[in-house]
């Protein structure tokens, strides 16, 4: 299994359950590992048949930027569902962090059977 990875996608979003967090956008940092089979695309050296990381990153950034979740766990779950359902990945690993003095976040792994 091959993995496409995106590290440190950063976007401002409403995230958190404290009252002040519901008023002020914060930076959210996202790491994704998405299972894919890149052999066909590599054989012909073409984006055709490849998982389009530009489309995936744009979709995630737009989604997160307009979201208003209370928990990073819920946000991570929603991002995983996008990768699995919209991009057809058989497995995804999502890390979501709210950078502070040191990161605070969550890492989850999902596959299609988690969304049946």
N, C-alpha and C. Protein backbone atom coordinates (compact mmCIF):
# COMPACT_ATOMS: atom_id res chain seq x y z
N UNK A 1 0.85 -1.19 0.00
CA UNK A 1 0.00 0.00 0.00
C UNK A 1 0.89 1.24 0.00
N UNK A 2 0.56 2.16 -0.87
CA UNK A 2 1.25 3.43 -0.93
C UNK A 2 0.49 4.44 -0.07
N UNK A 3 1.20 5.48 0.35
CA UNK A 3 0.55 6.54 1.14
C UNK A 3 0.92 7.89 0.57
N UNK A 4 -0.08 8.68 0.35
CA UNK A 4 0.12 10.08 0.02
C UNK A 4 0.09 10.82 1.35
N UNK A 5 0.99 11.75 1.58
CA UNK A 5 0.95 12.49 2.83
C UNK A 5 0.93 13.99 2.59
N UNK A 6 0.25 14.67 3.45
CA UNK A 6 0.20 16.13 3.48
C UNK A 6 0.52 16.53 4.92
N UNK A 7 1.56 17.33 5.10
CA UNK A 7 1.95 17.75 6.44
C UNK A 7 1.71 19.24 6.64
N UNK A 8 1.23 19.55 7.78
CA UNK A 8 1.04 20.93 8.25
C UNK A 8 0.17 21.79 7.33
N UNK A 9 -0.97 21.22 6.92
CA UNK A 9 -1.97 22.10 6.30
C UNK A 9 -2.46 23.00 7.42
N UNK A 10 -2.37 24.28 7.22
CA UNK A 10 -2.78 25.22 8.27
C UNK A 10 -3.93 26.08 7.77
N UNK A 11 -4.92 26.22 8.65
CA UNK A 11 -6.10 27.00 8.30
C UNK A 11 -6.71 27.57 9.58
N UNK A 12 -7.31 28.74 9.46
CA UNK A 12 -8.01 29.32 10.60
C UNK A 12 -9.43 28.77 10.66
N UNK A 13 -9.88 28.44 11.88
CA UNK A 13 -11.22 27.89 12.04
C UNK A 13 -11.72 28.16 13.46
N UNK A 14 -13.02 28.11 13.61
CA UNK A 14 -13.62 28.12 14.94
C UNK A 14 -13.52 26.69 15.46
N UNK A 15 -12.79 26.50 16.56
CA UNK A 15 -12.62 25.17 17.14
C UNK A 15 -12.42 25.31 18.64
N UNK A 16 -13.19 24.56 19.38
CA UNK A 16 -13.07 24.59 20.84
C UNK A 16 -14.40 24.72 21.52
N UNK A 17 -14.43 24.39 22.79
CA UNK A 17 -15.70 24.45 23.52
C UNK A 17 -15.74 25.60 24.51
N UNK A 18 -14.63 26.25 24.78
CA UNK A 18 -14.65 27.41 25.67
C UNK A 18 -15.32 28.58 24.95
N UNK A 19 -15.96 29.41 25.70
CA UNK A 19 -16.73 30.54 25.13
C UNK A 19 -15.85 31.42 24.24
N UNK A 20 -14.63 31.73 24.66
CA UNK A 20 -13.76 32.59 23.86
C UNK A 20 -13.35 31.90 22.56
N UNK A 21 -13.26 30.56 22.57
CA UNK A 21 -12.89 29.83 21.36
C UNK A 21 -14.00 29.85 20.31
N UNK A 22 -15.21 30.10 20.74
CA UNK A 22 -16.34 30.15 19.82
C UNK A 22 -16.42 31.52 19.12
N UNK A 23 -15.65 32.50 19.59
CA UNK A 23 -15.67 33.84 19.01
C UNK A 23 -14.47 34.15 18.13
N UNK A 24 -13.37 33.46 18.37
CA UNK A 24 -12.10 33.80 17.72
C UNK A 24 -11.59 32.61 16.90
N UNK A 25 -11.27 32.86 15.64
CA UNK A 25 -10.68 31.80 14.83
C UNK A 25 -9.27 31.51 15.32
N UNK A 26 -8.93 30.22 15.31
CA UNK A 26 -7.60 29.77 15.71
C UNK A 26 -6.97 29.01 14.55
N UNK A 27 -5.66 28.94 14.56
CA UNK A 27 -4.96 28.14 13.57
C UNK A 27 -5.13 26.66 13.93
N UNK A 28 -5.47 25.87 12.94
CA UNK A 28 -5.55 24.43 13.08
C UNK A 28 -4.52 23.85 12.11
N UNK A 29 -3.72 22.91 12.59
CA UNK A 29 -2.71 22.26 11.77
C UNK A 29 -3.14 20.82 11.52
N UNK A 30 -3.11 20.39 10.27
CA UNK A 30 -3.61 19.08 9.88
C UNK A 30 -2.53 18.31 9.14
N UNK A 31 -2.34 17.06 9.53
CA UNK A 31 -1.49 16.12 8.81
C UNK A 31 -2.37 14.99 8.32
N UNK A 32 -2.17 14.59 7.08
CA UNK A 32 -2.93 13.48 6.50
C UNK A 32 -1.98 12.45 5.91
N UNK A 33 -2.31 11.19 6.12
CA UNK A 33 -1.72 10.08 5.38
C UNK A 33 -2.89 9.37 4.76
N UNK A 34 -2.88 9.22 3.44
CA UNK A 34 -4.01 8.65 2.72
C UNK A 34 -3.49 7.49 1.88
N UNK A 35 -4.08 6.31 2.10
CA UNK A 35 -3.68 5.14 1.32
C UNK A 35 -4.12 5.31 -0.13
N UNK A 36 -3.24 4.90 -1.02
CA UNK A 36 -3.53 4.98 -2.45
C UNK A 36 -2.67 3.94 -3.17
N UNK A 37 -2.99 3.68 -4.39
CA UNK A 37 -2.15 2.82 -5.22
C UNK A 37 -1.60 3.70 -6.33
N UNK A 38 -0.35 4.06 -6.24
CA UNK A 38 0.24 5.00 -7.19
C UNK A 38 0.96 4.33 -8.35
N UNK A 39 0.90 3.00 -8.44
CA UNK A 39 1.65 2.28 -9.48
C UNK A 39 1.21 2.66 -10.90
N UNK A 40 -0.09 2.71 -11.13
CA UNK A 40 -0.57 3.01 -12.49
C UNK A 40 -0.14 4.41 -12.93
N UNK A 41 -0.28 5.38 -12.06
CA UNK A 41 0.12 6.75 -12.39
C UNK A 41 1.64 6.82 -12.60
N UNK A 42 2.39 6.11 -11.76
CA UNK A 42 3.85 6.13 -11.88
C UNK A 42 4.33 5.50 -13.18
N UNK A 43 3.65 4.44 -13.60
CA UNK A 43 4.05 3.75 -14.84
C UNK A 43 3.99 4.67 -16.05
N UNK A 44 2.97 5.53 -16.09
CA UNK A 44 2.80 6.41 -17.25
C UNK A 44 3.23 7.85 -16.97
N UNK A 45 3.72 8.08 -15.75
CA UNK A 45 4.20 9.41 -15.35
C UNK A 45 3.15 10.48 -15.64
N UNK A 46 1.91 10.20 -15.17
CA UNK A 46 0.79 11.09 -15.43
C UNK A 46 -0.08 11.22 -14.18
N UNK A 47 -0.68 12.38 -14.04
CA UNK A 47 -1.58 12.60 -12.91
C UNK A 47 -2.85 11.76 -13.04
N UNK A 48 -3.15 11.31 -14.25
CA UNK A 48 -4.31 10.45 -14.45
C UNK A 48 -4.12 9.17 -13.63
N UNK A 49 -5.07 8.85 -12.83
CA UNK A 49 -4.99 7.66 -11.99
C UNK A 49 -4.33 7.89 -10.65
N UNK A 50 -3.79 9.07 -10.44
CA UNK A 50 -3.16 9.40 -9.16
C UNK A 50 -4.18 10.06 -8.24
N UNK A 51 -3.98 9.91 -6.95
CA UNK A 51 -4.80 10.65 -6.00
C UNK A 51 -4.35 12.11 -6.09
N UNK A 52 -5.26 12.98 -6.42
CA UNK A 52 -4.93 14.38 -6.64
C UNK A 52 -4.79 15.11 -5.31
N UNK A 53 -3.55 15.27 -4.85
CA UNK A 53 -3.34 15.88 -3.54
C UNK A 53 -3.73 17.36 -3.51
N UNK A 54 -3.68 18.03 -4.64
CA UNK A 54 -4.11 19.44 -4.69
C UNK A 54 -5.61 19.54 -4.42
N UNK A 55 -6.40 18.68 -5.08
CA UNK A 55 -7.85 18.67 -4.85
C UNK A 55 -8.17 18.28 -3.40
N UNK A 56 -7.46 17.28 -2.89
CA UNK A 56 -7.69 16.84 -1.51
C UNK A 56 -7.36 17.95 -0.52
N UNK A 57 -6.22 18.58 -0.68
CA UNK A 57 -5.84 19.64 0.27
C UNK A 57 -6.80 20.82 0.19
N UNK A 58 -7.21 21.21 -1.03
CA UNK A 58 -8.17 22.31 -1.17
C UNK A 58 -9.49 21.98 -0.50
N UNK A 59 -9.96 20.76 -0.71
CA UNK A 59 -11.24 20.33 -0.11
C UNK A 59 -11.17 20.38 1.41
N UNK A 60 -10.07 19.88 1.98
CA UNK A 60 -9.90 19.88 3.43
C UNK A 60 -9.78 21.30 3.96
N UNK A 61 -8.99 22.14 3.31
CA UNK A 61 -8.82 23.53 3.78
C UNK A 61 -10.14 24.30 3.74
N UNK A 62 -10.89 24.14 2.67
CA UNK A 62 -12.19 24.84 2.57
C UNK A 62 -13.16 24.32 3.62
N UNK A 63 -13.20 23.01 3.82
CA UNK A 63 -14.10 22.41 4.81
C UNK A 63 -13.76 22.90 6.22
N UNK A 64 -12.50 22.80 6.58
CA UNK A 64 -12.09 23.18 7.93
C UNK A 64 -12.28 24.67 8.15
N UNK A 65 -11.96 25.48 7.16
CA UNK A 65 -12.10 26.93 7.29
C UNK A 65 -13.53 27.38 7.53
N UNK A 66 -14.50 26.61 7.07
CA UNK A 66 -15.90 26.99 7.27
C UNK A 66 -16.56 26.19 8.41
N UNK A 67 -15.79 25.35 9.08
CA UNK A 67 -16.36 24.52 10.14
C UNK A 67 -16.38 25.25 11.48
N UNK A 68 -17.16 24.71 12.40
CA UNK A 68 -17.24 25.27 13.76
C UNK A 68 -17.43 24.14 14.77
N UNK A 69 -16.46 23.23 14.82
CA UNK A 69 -16.55 22.10 15.74
C UNK A 69 -16.07 22.49 17.13
N UNK A 70 -16.54 21.76 18.11
CA UNK A 70 -16.09 21.97 19.49
C UNK A 70 -14.86 21.13 19.80
N UNK A 71 -14.79 19.94 19.23
CA UNK A 71 -13.70 19.01 19.55
C UNK A 71 -12.82 18.74 18.33
N UNK A 72 -11.51 18.64 18.56
CA UNK A 72 -10.60 18.26 17.48
C UNK A 72 -10.89 16.84 17.02
N UNK A 73 -11.40 15.99 17.92
CA UNK A 73 -11.77 14.63 17.55
C UNK A 73 -12.88 14.61 16.49
N UNK A 74 -13.86 15.48 16.66
CA UNK A 74 -14.96 15.56 15.70
C UNK A 74 -14.47 16.09 14.36
N UNK A 75 -13.60 17.08 14.40
CA UNK A 75 -13.03 17.62 13.17
C UNK A 75 -12.21 16.56 12.45
N UNK A 76 -11.38 15.82 13.18
CA UNK A 76 -10.56 14.76 12.57
C UNK A 76 -11.45 13.70 11.93
N UNK A 77 -12.53 13.34 12.61
CA UNK A 77 -13.47 12.34 12.06
C UNK A 77 -14.08 12.84 10.75
N UNK A 78 -14.46 14.10 10.69
CA UNK A 78 -15.06 14.65 9.48
C UNK A 78 -14.05 14.68 8.33
N UNK A 79 -12.79 14.99 8.61
CA UNK A 79 -11.75 15.00 7.58
C UNK A 79 -11.50 13.58 7.07
N UNK A 80 -11.46 12.61 7.98
CA UNK A 80 -11.27 11.21 7.58
C UNK A 80 -12.40 10.76 6.67
N UNK A 81 -13.61 11.15 6.98
CA UNK A 81 -14.76 10.76 6.17
C UNK A 81 -14.66 11.34 4.76
N UNK A 82 -14.17 12.56 4.62
CA UNK A 82 -13.97 13.17 3.30
C UNK A 82 -12.97 12.34 2.50
N UNK A 83 -11.84 11.98 3.11
CA UNK A 83 -10.81 11.22 2.40
C UNK A 83 -11.32 9.86 1.95
N UNK A 84 -12.09 9.20 2.82
CA UNK A 84 -12.59 7.86 2.50
C UNK A 84 -13.74 7.90 1.50
N UNK A 85 -14.73 8.73 1.79
CA UNK A 85 -15.94 8.74 0.95
C UNK A 85 -15.77 9.50 -0.36
N UNK A 86 -15.13 10.66 -0.33
CA UNK A 86 -15.03 11.48 -1.54
C UNK A 86 -13.81 11.14 -2.40
N UNK A 87 -12.73 10.66 -1.78
CA UNK A 87 -11.51 10.40 -2.53
C UNK A 87 -11.19 8.90 -2.63
N UNK A 88 -12.09 8.06 -2.08
CA UNK A 88 -11.99 6.62 -2.26
C UNK A 88 -10.82 5.95 -1.58
N UNK A 89 -10.28 6.55 -0.55
CA UNK A 89 -9.13 5.95 0.12
C UNK A 89 -9.56 4.76 0.98
N UNK A 90 -8.82 3.64 0.91
CA UNK A 90 -9.14 2.50 1.75
C UNK A 90 -8.66 2.65 3.19
N UNK A 91 -7.87 3.68 3.46
CA UNK A 91 -7.34 3.91 4.81
C UNK A 91 -6.86 5.35 4.88
N UNK A 92 -7.08 5.98 6.03
CA UNK A 92 -6.59 7.35 6.22
C UNK A 92 -6.16 7.53 7.66
N UNK A 93 -5.13 8.33 7.84
CA UNK A 93 -4.67 8.72 9.17
C UNK A 93 -4.71 10.24 9.21
N UNK A 94 -5.40 10.78 10.18
CA UNK A 94 -5.58 12.23 10.29
C UNK A 94 -5.06 12.70 11.63
N UNK A 95 -4.24 13.73 11.61
CA UNK A 95 -3.80 14.39 12.84
C UNK A 95 -4.28 15.83 12.78
N UNK A 96 -4.93 16.27 13.85
CA UNK A 96 -5.40 17.64 13.95
C UNK A 96 -4.82 18.23 15.23
N UNK A 97 -4.20 19.39 15.11
CA UNK A 97 -3.61 20.03 16.28
C UNK A 97 -3.97 21.51 16.31
N UNK A 98 -4.12 21.99 17.51
CA UNK A 98 -4.27 23.43 17.74
C UNK A 98 -2.95 23.87 18.37
N UNK A 99 -2.06 24.47 17.57
CA UNK A 99 -0.75 24.86 18.11
C UNK A 99 -0.89 25.83 19.29
N UNK A 100 -0.20 25.50 20.34
CA UNK A 100 -0.15 26.33 21.55
C UNK A 100 1.33 26.48 21.88
N UNK A 101 1.67 26.57 23.17
CA UNK A 101 3.07 26.55 23.57
C UNK A 101 3.71 25.28 23.01
N UNK A 102 2.95 24.20 23.03
CA UNK A 102 3.26 22.95 22.37
C UNK A 102 1.95 22.43 21.81
N UNK A 103 1.97 21.67 20.73
CA UNK A 103 0.73 21.22 20.11
C UNK A 103 -0.16 20.42 21.05
N UNK A 104 -1.45 20.58 20.85
CA UNK A 104 -2.47 19.77 21.47
C UNK A 104 -3.30 19.22 20.33
N UNK A 105 -3.56 17.91 20.28
CA UNK A 105 -4.30 17.40 19.14
C UNK A 105 -4.71 15.97 19.29
N UNK A 106 -5.08 15.36 18.17
CA UNK A 106 -5.56 13.99 18.12
C UNK A 106 -5.13 13.36 16.81
N UNK A 107 -4.93 12.04 16.80
CA UNK A 107 -4.62 11.27 15.60
C UNK A 107 -5.63 10.13 15.52
N UNK A 108 -6.28 9.97 14.37
CA UNK A 108 -7.22 8.87 14.17
C UNK A 108 -6.89 8.14 12.89
N UNK A 109 -7.28 6.87 12.78
CA UNK A 109 -7.15 6.08 11.56
C UNK A 109 -8.51 5.49 11.24
N UNK A 110 -8.92 5.55 9.96
CA UNK A 110 -10.22 5.05 9.53
C UNK A 110 -10.11 4.33 8.21
N UNK A 111 -11.12 3.52 7.92
CA UNK A 111 -11.25 2.81 6.65
C UNK A 111 -12.71 2.77 6.27
N UNK A 112 -13.04 2.36 5.03
CA UNK A 112 -14.43 2.41 4.59
C UNK A 112 -15.42 1.70 5.50
N UNK A 113 -15.05 0.58 6.11
CA UNK A 113 -16.00 -0.14 6.98
C UNK A 113 -16.43 0.68 8.19
N UNK A 114 -15.69 1.71 8.52
CA UNK A 114 -16.07 2.60 9.62
C UNK A 114 -17.23 3.51 9.26
N UNK A 115 -17.56 3.58 7.97
CA UNK A 115 -18.61 4.50 7.52
C UNK A 115 -19.76 3.77 6.83
N UNK A 116 -20.10 2.61 7.31
CA UNK A 116 -21.23 1.86 6.73
C UNK A 116 -22.42 1.98 7.61
